[in-house]
Protein backbone atom coordinates (compact mmCIF):
# COMPACT_ATOMS: atom_id res chain seq x y z
CA MET A 1 -15.61 10.51 102.23
CA GLY A 2 -16.06 13.95 102.72
CA GLN A 3 -15.85 17.49 101.18
CA VAL A 4 -12.82 17.56 98.43
CA LEU A 5 -11.35 21.05 97.44
CA SER A 6 -8.65 21.04 94.81
CA HIS A 7 -5.99 23.33 93.82
CA TRP A 8 -5.68 22.46 90.01
CA THR A 9 -4.98 23.94 86.66
CA TRP A 10 -8.14 25.05 85.79
CA LEU A 11 -10.33 25.40 89.41
CA PRO A 12 -11.12 28.34 91.06
CA ARG A 13 -9.28 29.46 94.15
CA LEU A 14 -9.82 27.01 97.02
CA LYS A 15 -11.69 29.59 99.05
CA ASN A 16 -14.01 30.29 96.20
CA GLN A 17 -14.57 26.36 96.01
CA LEU A 18 -15.58 26.60 99.50
CA ALA A 19 -17.73 29.52 99.30
CA ALA A 20 -19.78 27.99 96.30
CA ALA A 21 -20.74 25.39 98.88
CA ASP A 22 -21.94 28.26 101.13
CA GLY A 23 -19.17 27.34 103.76
CA ASN A 24 -21.08 23.73 104.09
CA ASN A 25 -19.50 20.58 104.51
CA PHE A 26 -21.92 18.13 102.73
CA ASN A 27 -21.17 14.68 104.38
CA SER A 28 -21.94 12.98 107.72
CA GLY A 29 -18.57 12.27 108.55
CA GLY A 30 -17.40 15.95 109.16
CA ASN A 31 -14.21 15.41 107.28
CA ARG A 32 -12.68 17.78 104.42
CA ILE A 33 -9.88 17.16 101.89
CA VAL A 34 -7.83 19.73 100.31
CA ARG A 35 -5.47 18.66 97.46
CA LEU A 36 -2.93 20.83 96.61
CA MET A 37 -2.16 19.35 93.16
CA THR A 38 -0.96 21.93 90.08
CA PRO A 39 -0.58 25.68 90.24
CA ARG A 40 -3.85 27.35 89.19
CA GLY A 41 -3.12 28.44 85.58
CA MET A 42 -0.38 25.64 84.95
CA ARG A 43 -0.96 22.78 82.85
CA TYR A 44 0.12 19.26 84.39
CA GLU A 45 2.88 18.84 82.05
CA ASP A 46 4.49 22.26 82.73
CA ALA A 47 4.19 21.74 86.35
CA TYR A 48 6.04 18.27 86.16
CA ALA A 49 8.62 19.57 83.79
CA ARG A 50 9.17 22.64 85.99
CA ALA A 51 9.09 20.95 89.40
CA PHE A 52 11.25 17.79 88.22
CA PRO A 53 13.27 16.44 90.19
CA PHE A 54 11.19 17.86 93.10
CA ASP A 55 13.79 18.31 95.28
CA ARG A 56 13.35 22.13 96.26
CA LEU A 57 10.63 24.68 96.20
CA VAL A 58 10.27 26.43 92.60
CA ASP A 59 9.49 29.98 93.75
CA GLU A 60 7.28 30.87 90.56
CA MET A 61 5.13 27.78 91.43
CA VAL A 62 4.53 28.80 95.08
CA GLN A 63 1.14 30.38 94.84
CA SER A 64 0.49 32.63 98.29
CA ASP A 65 -3.07 32.31 97.63
CA MET A 66 -2.93 28.47 97.84
CA ILE A 67 -0.98 28.60 100.83
CA GLN A 68 -3.42 31.00 102.71
CA ASP A 69 -6.43 29.44 101.66
CA THR A 70 -5.43 26.23 103.04
CA VAL A 71 -4.33 27.74 106.22
CA ASP A 72 -8.01 29.62 106.39
CA ILE A 73 -9.70 26.20 105.72
CA MET A 74 -7.77 24.63 108.33
CA ARG A 75 -8.98 27.38 110.69
CA LYS A 76 -12.60 26.96 109.79
CA GLY A 77 -12.36 22.99 110.31
CA ILE A 78 -11.40 23.75 113.77
CA GLU A 79 -14.06 26.02 114.15
CA GLU A 80 -16.34 23.98 112.89
CA ASN A 81 -15.09 20.92 114.37
CA ILE A 82 -14.56 19.25 110.76
CA GLU A 83 -11.39 17.09 110.48
CA THR A 84 -9.45 18.75 107.56
CA HIS A 85 -6.87 16.49 105.74
CA ILE A 86 -4.24 18.20 103.27
CA ILE A 87 -2.86 16.16 100.39
CA VAL A 88 0.13 17.83 98.98
CA ASN A 89 1.65 17.01 95.43
CA ASN A 90 5.15 17.66 94.40
CA ARG A 91 3.78 19.51 91.21
CA ALA A 92 2.04 22.08 93.66
CA ALA A 93 5.28 23.76 93.91
CA GLY A 94 8.36 21.45 93.53
CA ASN A 95 8.36 19.53 96.82
CA ALA A 96 5.59 18.39 98.92
CA PRO A 97 7.34 18.28 102.10
CA LEU A 98 8.62 21.94 101.88
CA VAL A 99 5.28 23.00 100.61
CA ALA A 100 3.73 21.66 103.72
CA GLU A 101 6.28 23.41 106.11
CA LYS A 102 5.20 26.60 104.48
CA ILE A 103 1.57 25.83 105.37
CA ALA A 104 2.39 24.84 109.01
CA ALA A 105 4.49 27.91 109.37
CA ALA A 106 1.59 29.66 107.95
CA PHE A 107 -0.74 28.34 110.06
CA CYS A 108 1.49 28.58 113.43
CA ARG A 109 1.94 32.38 112.74
CA ARG A 110 -1.92 32.74 112.62
CA VAL A 111 -2.51 30.79 116.12
């Protein structure tokens, strides 16, 4: 197992979760998991209702800090030789594959 950071209703921003650990990865396996579950400040039930049927991005659910924090954590992982796994749920912004595309595009712009 590895360090798990979650973008979730009531949790702090991903970058703040990582900062709370002083940027350390507390496992011997060199893995980090980023879970993009629901928009911050939005209840599970509301996220589900807005995102259903999960066939498109829902603009008001796309939180730019979620995208940017994920990209920054991926880059930090590369610098520190930490394998970073990103798990995207449809409730994060309406459609998991499209969220993943946004993350990949943002990551590639910074390379």
